[in-house]
Amino acid sequence: MSRVCVICEKGQATGNKVSHSHRKTRRTWGANVHMVTFKNPDNTVERGYVCTRCMRSGKINRI
């Protein structure tokens, strides 16, 4: 299973790694997600990956 936020669907980003001599190679950045247990709006308990931005903004009810 991929590490994607279940709230905002933020996932892996891609881009270039640029060296001092300005050579470019492809690289990836992983989203800052953590496995948490939270309560859905319909009062069911779910466990999944949630990004730290969603946790900090209060988009989930953490248990």
PDB file of N, CA and C in Angstrom:
ATOM      1  N   MET A   1       0.837  -1.179   0.000  1.00  0.00           N
ATOM      2  CA  MET A   1       0.000   0.000   0.000  1.00  0.00           C
ATOM      3  C   MET A   1       0.884   1.244   0.000  1.00  0.00           C
ATOM      4  N   SER A   2       0.508   2.220  -0.798  1.00  0.00           N
ATOM      5  CA  SER A   2       1.312   3.428  -0.894  1.00  0.00           C
ATOM      6  C   SER A   2       1.032   4.357   0.282  1.00  0.00           C
ATOM      7  N   ARG A   3       1.997   5.214   0.565  1.00  0.00           N
ATOM      8  CA  ARG A   3       1.855   6.161   1.660  1.00  0.00           C
ATOM      9  C   ARG A   3       1.211   7.436   1.130  1.00  0.00           C
ATOM     10  N   VAL A   4      -0.107   7.433   1.148  1.00  0.00           N
ATOM     11  CA  VAL A   4      -0.901   8.562   0.675  1.00  0.00           C
ATOM     12  C   VAL A   4      -1.864   8.938   1.789  1.00  0.00           C
ATOM     13  N   CYS A   5      -2.042  10.244   2.014  1.00  0.00           N
ATOM     14  CA  CYS A   5      -2.959  10.727   3.035  1.00  0.00           C
ATOM     15  C   CYS A   5      -4.396  10.364   2.647  1.00  0.00           C
ATOM     16  N   VAL A   6      -5.147   9.789   3.598  1.00  0.00           N
ATOM     17  CA  VAL A   6      -6.523   9.391   3.295  1.00  0.00           C
ATOM     18  C   VAL A   6      -7.469  10.583   3.309  1.00  0.00           C
ATOM     19  N   ILE A   7      -7.044  11.721   3.841  1.00  0.00           N
ATOM     20  CA  ILE A   7      -7.894  12.906   3.905  1.00  0.00           C
ATOM     21  C   ILE A   7      -7.731  13.759   2.647  1.00  0.00           C
ATOM     22  N   CYS A   8      -6.499  14.215   2.382  1.00  0.00           N
ATOM     23  CA  CYS A   8      -6.273  15.143   1.273  1.00  0.00           C
ATOM     24  C   CYS A   8      -5.608  14.482   0.068  1.00  0.00           C
ATOM     25  N   GLU A   9      -5.299  13.198   0.151  1.00  0.00           N
ATOM     26  CA  GLU A   9      -4.689  12.401  -0.920  1.00  0.00           C
ATOM     27  C   GLU A   9      -3.327  12.925  -1.355  1.00  0.00           C
ATOM     28  N   LYS A  10      -2.600  13.541  -0.414  1.00  0.00           N
ATOM     29  CA  LYS A  10      -1.232  13.978  -0.704  1.00  0.00           C
ATOM     30  C   LYS A  10      -0.342  12.749  -0.742  1.00  0.00           C
ATOM     31  N   GLY A  11       0.522  12.657  -1.746  1.00  0.00           N
ATOM     32  CA  GLY A  11       1.374  11.489  -1.897  1.00  0.00           C
ATOM     33  C   GLY A  11       2.795  11.862  -2.262  1.00  0.00           C
ATOM     34  N   GLN A  12       3.411  11.003  -3.018  1.00  0.00           N
ATOM     35  CA  GLN A  12       4.797  11.179  -3.402  1.00  0.00           C
ATOM     36  C   GLN A  12       4.932  12.232  -4.495  1.00  0.00           C
ATOM     37  N   ALA A  13       5.968  13.082  -4.384  1.00  0.00           N
ATOM     38  CA  ALA A  13       6.247  14.095  -5.394  1.00  0.00           C
ATOM     39  C   ALA A  13       7.576  13.775  -6.061  1.00  0.00           C
ATOM     40  N   THR A  14       7.716  14.162  -7.324  1.00  0.00           N
ATOM     41  CA  THR A  14       8.952  13.900  -8.054  1.00  0.00           C
ATOM     42  C   THR A  14       9.548  15.204  -8.539  1.00  0.00           C
ATOM     43  N   GLY A  15      10.840  15.150  -8.811  1.00  0.00           N
ATOM     44  CA  GLY A  15      11.530  16.327  -9.314  1.00  0.00           C
ATOM     45  C   GLY A  15      12.968  15.990  -9.634  1.00  0.00           C
ATOM     46  N   ASN A  16      13.796  17.015  -9.700  1.00  0.00           N
ATOM     47  CA  ASN A  16      15.202  16.833 -10.021  1.00  0.00           C
ATOM     48  C   ASN A  16      16.080  17.100  -8.810  1.00  0.00           C
ATOM     49  N   LYS A  17      17.099  16.266  -8.631  1.00  0.00           N
ATOM     50  CA  LYS A  17      18.163  16.548  -7.685  1.00  0.00           C
ATOM     51  C   LYS A  17      19.237  17.273  -8.476  1.00  0.00           C
ATOM     52  N   VAL A  18      19.623  18.451  -8.021  1.00  0.00           N
ATOM     53  CA  VAL A  18      20.572  19.269  -8.767  1.00  0.00           C
ATOM     54  C   VAL A  18      21.875  19.323  -7.982  1.00  0.00           C
ATOM     55  N   SER A  19      22.954  18.871  -8.604  1.00  0.00           N
ATOM     56  CA  SER A  19      24.258  18.865  -7.948  1.00  0.00           C
ATOM     57  C   SER A  19      24.916  20.239  -8.036  1.00  0.00           C
ATOM     58  N   HIS A  20      26.075  20.358  -7.420  1.00  0.00           N
ATOM     59  CA  HIS A  20      26.814  21.619  -7.444  1.00  0.00           C
ATOM     60  C   HIS A  20      27.211  21.997  -8.874  1.00  0.00           C
ATOM     61  N   SER A  21      27.493  20.999  -9.709  1.00  0.00           N
ATOM     62  CA  SER A  21      27.839  21.268 -11.104  1.00  0.00           C
ATOM     63  C   SER A  21      26.599  21.402 -11.993  1.00  0.00           C
ATOM     64  N   HIS A  22      25.427  21.425 -11.365  1.00  0.00           N
ATOM     65  CA  HIS A  22      24.134  21.622 -12.018  1.00  0.00           C
ATOM     66  C   HIS A  22      23.712  20.454 -12.913  1.00  0.00           C
ATOM     67  N   ARG A  23      24.214  19.261 -12.617  1.00  0.00           N
ATOM     68  CA  ARG A  23      23.698  18.058 -13.298  1.00  0.00           C
ATOM     69  C   ARG A  23      22.400  17.657 -12.617  1.00  0.00           C
ATOM     70  N   LYS A  24      21.453  17.164 -13.401  1.00  0.00           N
ATOM     71  CA  LYS A  24      20.138  16.846 -12.859  1.00  0.00           C
ATOM     72  C   LYS A  24      19.864  15.353 -12.953  1.00  0.00           C
ATOM     73  N   THR A  25      19.424  14.774 -11.850  1.00  0.00           N
ATOM     74  CA  THR A  25      18.972  13.389 -11.818  1.00  0.00           C
ATOM     75  C   THR A  25      17.617  13.363 -11.124  1.00  0.00           C
ATOM     76  N   ARG A  26      16.779  12.413 -11.507  1.00  0.00           N
ATOM     77  CA  ARG A  26      15.426  12.327 -10.962  1.00  0.00           C
ATOM     78  C   ARG A  26      15.463  11.828  -9.523  1.00  0.00           C
ATOM     79  N   ARG A  27      14.571  12.351  -8.690  1.00  0.00           N
ATOM     80  CA  ARG A  27      14.434  11.885  -7.322  1.00  0.00           C
ATOM     81  C   ARG A  27      12.996  12.039  -6.883  1.00  0.00           C
ATOM     82  N   THR A  28      12.666  11.462  -5.719  1.00  0.00           N
ATOM     83  CA  THR A  28      11.306  11.533  -5.205  1.00  0.00           C
ATOM     84  C   THR A  28      11.330  12.062  -3.774  1.00  0.00           C
ATOM     85  N   TRP A  29      10.250  12.726  -3.400  1.00  0.00           N
ATOM     86  CA  TRP A  29      10.033  13.180  -2.036  1.00  0.00           C
ATOM     87  C   TRP A  29       8.798  12.468  -1.523  1.00  0.00           C
ATOM     88  N   GLY A  30       8.902  11.884  -0.351  1.00  0.00           N
ATOM     89  CA  GLY A  30       7.756  11.229   0.255  1.00  0.00           C
ATOM     90  C   GLY A  30       6.960  12.228   1.076  1.00  0.00           C
ATOM     91  N   ALA A  31       5.655  12.044   1.137  1.00  0.00           N
ATOM     92  CA  ALA A  31       4.806  12.910   1.956  1.00  0.00           C
ATOM     93  C   ALA A  31       5.031  12.577   3.427  1.00  0.00           C
ATOM     94  N   ASN A  32       4.897  13.566   4.287  1.00  0.00           N
ATOM     95  CA  ASN A  32       5.091  13.389   5.724  1.00  0.00           C
ATOM     96  C   ASN A  32       3.791  12.850   6.312  1.00  0.00           C
ATOM     97  N   VAL A  33       3.607  11.527   6.221  1.00  0.00           N
ATOM     98  CA  VAL A  33       2.382  10.885   6.689  1.00  0.00           C
ATOM     99  C   VAL A  33       2.704   9.945   7.836  1.00  0.00           C
ATOM    100  N   HIS A  34       1.727   9.797   8.739  1.00  0.00           N
ATOM    101  CA  HIS A  34       1.866   8.917   9.889  1.00  0.00           C
ATOM    102  C   HIS A  34       0.634   8.030   9.977  1.00  0.00           C
ATOM    103  N   MET A  35       0.822   6.808  10.461  1.00  0.00           N
ATOM    104  CA  MET A  35      -0.296   5.901  10.675  1.00  0.00           C
ATOM    105  C   MET A  35      -0.987   6.295  11.976  1.00  0.00           C
ATOM    106  N   VAL A  36      -2.247   6.708  11.885  1.00  0.00           N
ATOM    107  CA  VAL A  36      -2.996   7.145  13.063  1.00  0.00           C
ATOM    108  C   VAL A  36      -4.358   6.461  13.086  1.00  0.00           C
ATOM    109  N   THR A  37      -4.945   6.418  14.266  1.00  0.00           N
ATOM    110  CA  THR A  37      -6.306   5.928  14.449  1.00  0.00           C
ATOM    111  C   THR A  37      -7.197   7.148  14.646  1.00  0.00           C
ATOM    112  N   PHE A  38      -8.259   7.248  13.858  1.00  0.00           N
ATOM    113  CA  PHE A  38      -9.129   8.414  13.925  1.00  0.00           C
ATOM    114  C   PHE A  38     -10.567   7.994  13.744  1.00  0.00           C
ATOM    115  N   LYS A  39     -11.468   8.902  14.108  1.00  0.00           N
ATOM    116  CA  LYS A  39     -12.899   8.647  14.025  1.00  0.00           C
ATOM    117  C   LYS A  39     -13.474   9.397  12.833  1.00  0.00           C
ATOM    118  N   ASN A  40     -14.200   8.689  11.975  1.00  0.00           N
ATOM    119  CA  ASN A  40     -14.845   9.278  10.804  1.00  0.00           C
ATOM    120  C   ASN A  40     -16.054  10.096  11.226  1.00  0.00           C
ATOM    121  N   PRO A  41     -16.597  10.933  10.343  1.00  0.00           N
ATOM    122  CA  PRO A  41     -17.818  11.688  10.678  1.00  0.00           C
ATOM    123  C   PRO A  41     -19.018  10.791  11.000  1.00  0.00           C
ATOM    124  N   ASP A  42     -19.047   9.566  10.471  1.00  0.00           N
ATOM    125  CA  ASP A  42     -20.145   8.642  10.786  1.00  0.00           C
ATOM    126  C   ASP A  42     -19.824   7.772  11.993  1.00  0.00           C
ATOM    127  N   ASN A  43     -18.882   8.224  12.860  1.00  0.00           N
ATOM    128  CA  ASN A  43     -18.510   7.596  14.133  1.00  0.00           C
ATOM    129  C   ASN A  43     -17.957   6.184  14.001  1.00  0.00           C
ATOM    130  N   THR A  44     -17.313   5.877  12.885  1.00  0.00           N
ATOM    131  CA  THR A  44     -16.605   4.614  12.763  1.00  0.00           C
ATOM    132  C   THR A  44     -15.115   4.881  12.948  1.00  0.00           C
ATOM    133  N   VAL A  45     -14.455   3.974  13.627  1.00  0.00           N
ATOM    134  CA  VAL A  45     -13.025   4.123  13.894  1.00  0.00           C
ATOM    135  C   VAL A  45     -12.251   3.538  12.725  1.00  0.00           C
ATOM    136  N   GLU A  46     -11.301   4.289  12.219  1.00  0.00           N
ATOM    137  CA  GLU A  46     -10.512   3.873  11.072  1.00  0.00           C
ATOM    138  C   GLU A  46      -9.044   4.107  11.376  1.00  0.00           C
ATOM    139  N   ARG A  47      -8.202   3.317  10.729  1.00  0.00           N
ATOM    140  CA  ARG A  47      -6.763   3.443  10.884  1.00  0.00           C
ATOM    141  C   ARG A  47      -6.177   3.659   9.502  1.00  0.00           C
ATOM    142  N   GLY A  48      -5.350   4.679   9.348  1.00  0.00           N
ATOM    143  CA  GLY A  48      -4.774   4.942   8.046  1.00  0.00           C
ATOM    144  C   GLY A  48      -3.700   6.006   8.121  1.00  0.00           C
ATOM    145  N   TYR A  49      -3.087   6.255   6.967  1.00  0.00           N
ATOM    146  CA  TYR A  49      -2.046   7.269   6.875  1.00  0.00           C
ATOM    147  C   TYR A  49      -2.681   8.646   6.746  1.00  0.00           C
ATOM    148  N   VAL A  50      -2.227   9.580   7.584  1.00  0.00           N
ATOM    149  CA  VAL A  50      -2.710  10.955   7.553  1.00  0.00           C
ATOM    150  C   VAL A  50      -1.498  11.868   7.562  1.00  0.00           C
ATOM    151  N   CYS A  51      -1.488  12.891   6.699  1.00  0.00           N
ATOM    152  CA  CYS A  51      -0.350  13.808   6.663  1.00  0.00           C
ATOM    153  C   CYS A  51      -0.402  14.739   7.871  1.00  0.00           C
ATOM    154  N   THR A  52       0.760  15.261   8.222  1.00  0.00           N
ATOM    155  CA  THR A  52       0.862  16.107   9.401  1.00  0.00           C
ATOM    156  C   THR A  52       0.110  17.414   9.221  1.00  0.00           C
ATOM    157  N   ARG A  53      -0.063  17.886   8.000  1.00  0.00           N
ATOM    158  CA  ARG A  53      -0.820  19.113   7.749  1.00  0.00           C
ATOM    159  C   ARG A  53      -2.281  18.911   8.119  1.00  0.00           C
ATOM    160  N   CYS A  54      -2.858  17.756   7.785  1.00  0.00           N
ATOM    161  CA  CYS A  54      -4.258  17.470   8.136  1.00  0.00           C
ATOM    162  C   CYS A  54      -4.423  17.270   9.637  1.00  0.00           C
ATOM    163  N   MET A  55      -3.425  16.660  10.285  1.00  0.00           N
ATOM    164  CA  MET A  55      -3.492  16.480  11.731  1.00  0.00           C
ATOM    165  C   MET A  55      -3.451  17.825  12.442  1.00  0.00           C
ATOM    166  N   ARG A  56      -2.575  18.719  11.986  1.00  0.00           N
ATOM    167  CA  ARG A  56      -2.396  20.006  12.631  1.00  0.00           C
ATOM    168  C   ARG A  56      -3.592  20.927  12.404  1.00  0.00           C
ATOM    169  N   SER A  57      -4.222  20.842  11.241  1.00  0.00           N
ATOM    170  CA  SER A  57      -5.353  21.715  10.943  1.00  0.00           C
ATOM    171  C   SER A  57      -6.654  21.199  11.538  1.00  0.00           C
ATOM    172  N   GLY A  58      -6.648  20.001  12.112  1.00  0.00           N
ATOM    173  CA  GLY A  58      -7.827  19.480  12.783  1.00  0.00           C
ATOM    174  C   GLY A  58      -8.862  18.881  11.864  1.00  0.00           C
ATOM    175  N   LYS A  59      -8.445  18.347  10.715  1.00  0.00           N
ATOM    176  CA  LYS A  59      -9.396  17.745   9.785  1.00  0.00           C
ATOM    177  C   LYS A  59      -9.838  16.349  10.209  1.00  0.00           C
ATOM    178  N   ILE A  60      -9.173  15.787  11.252  1.00  0.00           N
ATOM    179  CA  ILE A  60      -9.547  14.464  11.740  1.00  0.00           C
ATOM    180  C   ILE A  60      -9.777  14.541  13.234  1.00  0.00           C
ATOM    181  N   ASN A  61     -10.601  13.631  13.746  1.00  0.00           N
ATOM    182  CA  ASN A  61     -10.795  13.480  15.188  1.00  0.00           C
ATOM    183  C   ASN A  61      -9.930  12.323  15.643  1.00  0.00           C
ATOM    184  N   ARG A  62      -8.759  12.655  16.161  1.00  0.00           N
ATOM    185  CA  ARG A  62      -7.797  11.634  16.549  1.00  0.00           C
ATOM    186  C   ARG A  62      -8.197  10.979  17.859  1.00  0.00           C
ATOM    187  N   ILE A  63      -7.977   9.677  17.953  1.00  0.00           N
ATOM    188  CA  ILE A  63      -8.323   8.936  19.172  1.00  0.00           C
ATOM    189  C   ILE A  63      -7.084   8.758  20.017  1.00  0.00           C
TER     190      ILE A  63
END
